[in-house]
């Protein structure tokens, strides 16, 4: 998947989970700005 599409999906999931988490952030390929993302890592 392209980086920009993965960022949109990750941001949507983070916003949905934020009320239930003390801390949450995007990690992995998206954080490292890789052009192709195979999965979305959240920590």
PDB file of N, CA and C in Angstrom:
ATOM      1  N   UNK A   1       0.850  -1.157   0.000  1.00  0.00           N
ATOM      2  CA  UNK A   1       0.000   0.000   0.000  1.00  0.00           C
ATOM      3  C   UNK A   1       0.905   1.232   0.000  1.00  0.00           C
ATOM      4  N   UNK A   2       0.463   2.287  -0.646  1.00  0.00           N
ATOM      5  CA  UNK A   2       1.235   3.525  -0.677  1.00  0.00           C
ATOM      6  C   UNK A   2       1.226   4.202   0.689  1.00  0.00           C
ATOM      7  N   UNK A   3       2.299   4.902   0.998  1.00  0.00           N
ATOM      8  CA  UNK A   3       2.476   5.557   2.296  1.00  0.00           C
ATOM      9  C   UNK A   3       1.321   6.493   2.624  1.00  0.00           C
ATOM     10  N   UNK A   4       0.921   7.338   1.703  1.00  0.00           N
ATOM     11  CA  UNK A   4      -0.135   8.320   1.987  1.00  0.00           C
ATOM     12  C   UNK A   4      -1.462   7.650   2.338  1.00  0.00           C
ATOM     13  N   UNK A   5      -1.801   6.575   1.644  1.00  0.00           N
ATOM     14  CA  UNK A   5      -3.035   5.844   1.949  1.00  0.00           C
ATOM     15  C   UNK A   5      -2.945   5.205   3.336  1.00  0.00           C
ATOM     16  N   UNK A   6      -1.793   4.634   3.657  1.00  0.00           N
ATOM     17  CA  UNK A   6      -1.592   4.016   4.969  1.00  0.00           C
ATOM     18  C   UNK A   6      -1.684   5.052   6.081  1.00  0.00           C
ATOM     19  N   UNK A   7      -1.156   6.259   5.844  1.00  0.00           N
ATOM     20  CA  UNK A   7      -1.232   7.330   6.850  1.00  0.00           C
ATOM     21  C   UNK A   7      -2.679   7.692   7.162  1.00  0.00           C
ATOM     22  N   UNK A   8      -3.502   7.789   6.130  1.00  0.00           N
ATOM     23  CA  UNK A   8      -4.917   8.128   6.324  1.00  0.00           C
ATOM     24  C   UNK A   8      -5.611   7.054   7.157  1.00  0.00           C
ATOM     25  N   UNK A   9      -5.369   5.802   6.834  1.00  0.00           N
ATOM     26  CA  UNK A   9      -5.977   4.697   7.575  1.00  0.00           C
ATOM     27  C   UNK A   9      -5.486   4.696   9.018  1.00  0.00           C
ATOM     28  N   UNK A  10      -4.185   4.836   9.215  1.00  0.00           N
ATOM     29  CA  UNK A  10      -3.615   4.828  10.563  1.00  0.00           C
ATOM     30  C   UNK A  10      -4.175   5.971  11.396  1.00  0.00           C
ATOM     31  N   UNK A  11      -4.264   7.163  10.820  1.00  0.00           N
ATOM     32  CA  UNK A  11      -4.799   8.312  11.558  1.00  0.00           C
ATOM     33  C   UNK A  11      -6.253   8.084  11.962  1.00  0.00           C
ATOM     34  N   UNK A  12      -7.029   7.465  11.083  1.00  0.00           N
ATOM     35  CA  UNK A  12      -8.426   7.167  11.388  1.00  0.00           C
ATOM     36  C   UNK A  12      -8.533   6.188  12.554  1.00  0.00           C
ATOM     37  N   UNK A  13      -7.710   5.152  12.537  1.00  0.00           N
ATOM     38  CA  UNK A  13      -7.733   4.154  13.609  1.00  0.00           C
ATOM     39  C   UNK A  13      -7.257   4.772  14.925  1.00  0.00           C
ATOM     40  N   UNK A  14      -6.203   5.569  14.877  1.00  0.00           N
ATOM     41  CA  UNK A  14      -5.692   6.219  16.089  1.00  0.00           C
ATOM     42  C   UNK A  14      -6.772   7.102  16.705  1.00  0.00           C
ATOM     43  N   UNK A  15      -7.447   7.899  15.904  1.00  0.00           N
ATOM     44  CA  UNK A  15      -8.504   8.777  16.427  1.00  0.00           C
ATOM     45  C   UNK A  15      -9.632   7.970  17.056  1.00  0.00           C
ATOM     46  N   UNK A  16      -9.952   6.816  16.478  1.00  0.00           N
ATOM     47  CA  UNK A  16     -11.010   5.968  17.027  1.00  0.00           C
ATOM     48  C   UNK A  16     -10.601   5.334  18.353  1.00  0.00           C
ATOM     49  N   UNK A  17      -9.312   5.017  18.509  1.00  0.00           N
ATOM     50  CA  UNK A  17      -8.834   4.342  19.719  1.00  0.00           C
ATOM     51  C   UNK A  17      -8.406   5.297  20.830  1.00  0.00           C
ATOM     52  N   UNK A  18      -8.122   6.540  20.505  1.00  0.00           N
ATOM     53  CA  UNK A  18      -7.606   7.496  21.495  1.00  0.00           C
ATOM     54  C   UNK A  18      -8.427   7.579  22.778  1.00  0.00           C
ATOM     55  N   UNK A  19      -9.754   7.567  22.722  1.00  0.00           N
ATOM     56  CA  UNK A  19     -10.519   7.652  23.972  1.00  0.00           C
ATOM     57  C   UNK A  19     -10.286   6.469  24.919  1.00  0.00           C
ATOM     58  N   UNK A  20      -9.777   5.369  24.399  1.00  0.00           N
ATOM     59  CA  UNK A  20      -9.597   4.155  25.189  1.00  0.00           C
ATOM     60  C   UNK A  20      -8.144   3.897  25.590  1.00  0.00           C
ATOM     61  N   UNK A  21      -7.248   4.794  25.196  1.00  0.00           N
ATOM     62  CA  UNK A  21      -5.818   4.586  25.430  1.00  0.00           C
ATOM     63  C   UNK A  21      -5.212   5.770  26.172  1.00  0.00           C
ATOM     64  N   UNK A  22      -4.268   5.477  27.048  1.00  0.00           N
ATOM     65  CA  UNK A  22      -3.510   6.557  27.676  1.00  0.00           C
ATOM     66  C   UNK A  22      -2.567   7.180  26.661  1.00  0.00           C
ATOM     67  N   UNK A  23      -1.924   6.341  25.874  1.00  0.00           N
ATOM     68  CA  UNK A  23      -1.013   6.798  24.813  1.00  0.00           C
ATOM     69  C   UNK A  23      -1.160   5.852  23.635  1.00  0.00           C
ATOM     70  N   UNK A  24      -1.112   6.409  22.443  1.00  0.00           N
ATOM     71  CA  UNK A  24      -1.139   5.593  21.228  1.00  0.00           C
ATOM     72  C   UNK A  24      -0.393   6.357  20.142  1.00  0.00           C
ATOM     73  N   UNK A  25       0.389   5.628  19.357  1.00  0.00           N
ATOM     74  CA  UNK A  25       1.103   6.278  18.262  1.00  0.00           C
ATOM     75  C   UNK A  25       1.364   5.290  17.137  1.00  0.00           C
ATOM     76  N   UNK A  26       1.553   5.843  15.962  1.00  0.00           N
ATOM     77  CA  UNK A  26       1.858   5.049  14.776  1.00  0.00           C
ATOM     78  C   UNK A  26       3.346   4.722  14.791  1.00  0.00           C
ATOM     79  N   UNK A  27       3.681   3.494  14.438  1.00  0.00           N
ATOM     80  CA  UNK A  27       5.082   3.053  14.435  1.00  0.00           C
ATOM     81  C   UNK A  27       5.379   2.343  13.110  1.00  0.00           C
ATOM     82  N   UNK A  28       6.530   1.736  13.035  1.00  0.00           N
ATOM     83  CA  UNK A  28       6.885   0.903  11.888  1.00  0.00           C
ATOM     84  C   UNK A  28       7.158   1.674  10.615  1.00  0.00           C
ATOM     85  N   UNK A  29       6.727   1.102   9.500  1.00  0.00           N
ATOM     86  CA  UNK A  29       7.016   1.653   8.171  1.00  0.00           C
ATOM     87  C   UNK A  29       6.472   3.064   7.984  1.00  0.00           C
ATOM     88  N   UNK A  30       5.322   3.341   8.571  1.00  0.00           N
ATOM     89  CA  UNK A  30       4.745   4.684   8.427  1.00  0.00           C
ATOM     90  C   UNK A  30       5.608   5.706   9.156  1.00  0.00           C
ATOM     91  N   UNK A  31       6.010   5.392  10.362  1.00  0.00           N
ATOM     92  CA  UNK A  31       6.855   6.319  11.122  1.00  0.00           C
ATOM     93  C   UNK A  31       8.178   6.557  10.407  1.00  0.00           C
ATOM     94  N   UNK A  32       8.703   5.518   9.775  1.00  0.00           N
ATOM     95  CA  UNK A  32       9.982   5.638   9.060  1.00  0.00           C
ATOM     96  C   UNK A  32       9.816   6.212   7.656  1.00  0.00           C
ATOM     97  N   UNK A  33       8.574   6.510   7.263  1.00  0.00           N
ATOM     98  CA  UNK A  33       8.267   7.122   5.963  1.00  0.00           C
ATOM     99  C   UNK A  33       8.708   6.258   4.780  1.00  0.00           C
ATOM    100  N   UNK A  34       8.535   4.938   4.899  1.00  0.00           N
ATOM    101  CA  UNK A  34       8.837   4.030   3.788  1.00  0.00           C
ATOM    102  C   UNK A  34       7.795   4.242   2.682  1.00  0.00           C
ATOM    103  N   UNK A  35       8.187   4.222   1.419  1.00  0.00           N
ATOM    104  CA  UNK A  35       7.231   4.485   0.336  1.00  0.00           C
ATOM    105  C   UNK A  35       6.143   3.419   0.200  1.00  0.00           C
ATOM    106  N   UNK A  36       6.460   2.180   0.601  1.00  0.00           N
ATOM    107  CA  UNK A  36       5.490   1.089   0.550  1.00  0.00           C
ATOM    108  C   UNK A  36       5.301   0.534   1.954  1.00  0.00           C
ATOM    109  N   UNK A  37       4.036   0.411   2.365  1.00  0.00           N
ATOM    110  CA  UNK A  37       3.702  -0.060   3.709  1.00  0.00           C
ATOM    111  C   UNK A  37       2.957  -1.379   3.575  1.00  0.00           C
ATOM    112  N   UNK A  38       3.435  -2.399   4.285  1.00  0.00           N
ATOM    113  CA  UNK A  38       2.779  -3.717   4.223  1.00  0.00           C
ATOM    114  C   UNK A  38       1.808  -3.915   5.373  1.00  0.00           C
ATOM    115  N   UNK A  39       2.075  -3.255   6.512  1.00  0.00           N
ATOM    116  CA  UNK A  39       1.161  -3.336   7.644  1.00  0.00           C
ATOM    117  C   UNK A  39       1.239  -2.033   8.429  1.00  0.00           C
ATOM    118  N   UNK A  40       0.261  -1.831   9.300  1.00  0.00           N
ATOM    119  CA  UNK A  40       0.202  -0.612  10.105  1.00  0.00           C
ATOM    120  C   UNK A  40       0.445  -1.008  11.549  1.00  0.00           C
ATOM    121  N   UNK A  41       1.521  -0.467  12.119  1.00  0.00           N
ATOM    122  CA  UNK A  41       1.887  -0.772  13.503  1.00  0.00           C
ATOM    123  C   UNK A  41       1.473   0.379  14.411  1.00  0.00           C
ATOM    124  N   UNK A  42       0.759   0.039  15.479  1.00  0.00           N
ATOM    125  CA  UNK A  42       0.376   1.016  16.496  1.00  0.00           C
ATOM    126  C   UNK A  42       0.937   0.557  17.827  1.00  0.00           C
ATOM    127  N   UNK A  43       1.458   1.486  18.580  1.00  0.00           N
ATOM    128  CA  UNK A  43       1.955   1.171  19.925  1.00  0.00           C
ATOM    129  C   UNK A  43       1.386   2.156  20.905  1.00  0.00           C
TER     130      UNK A  43
END
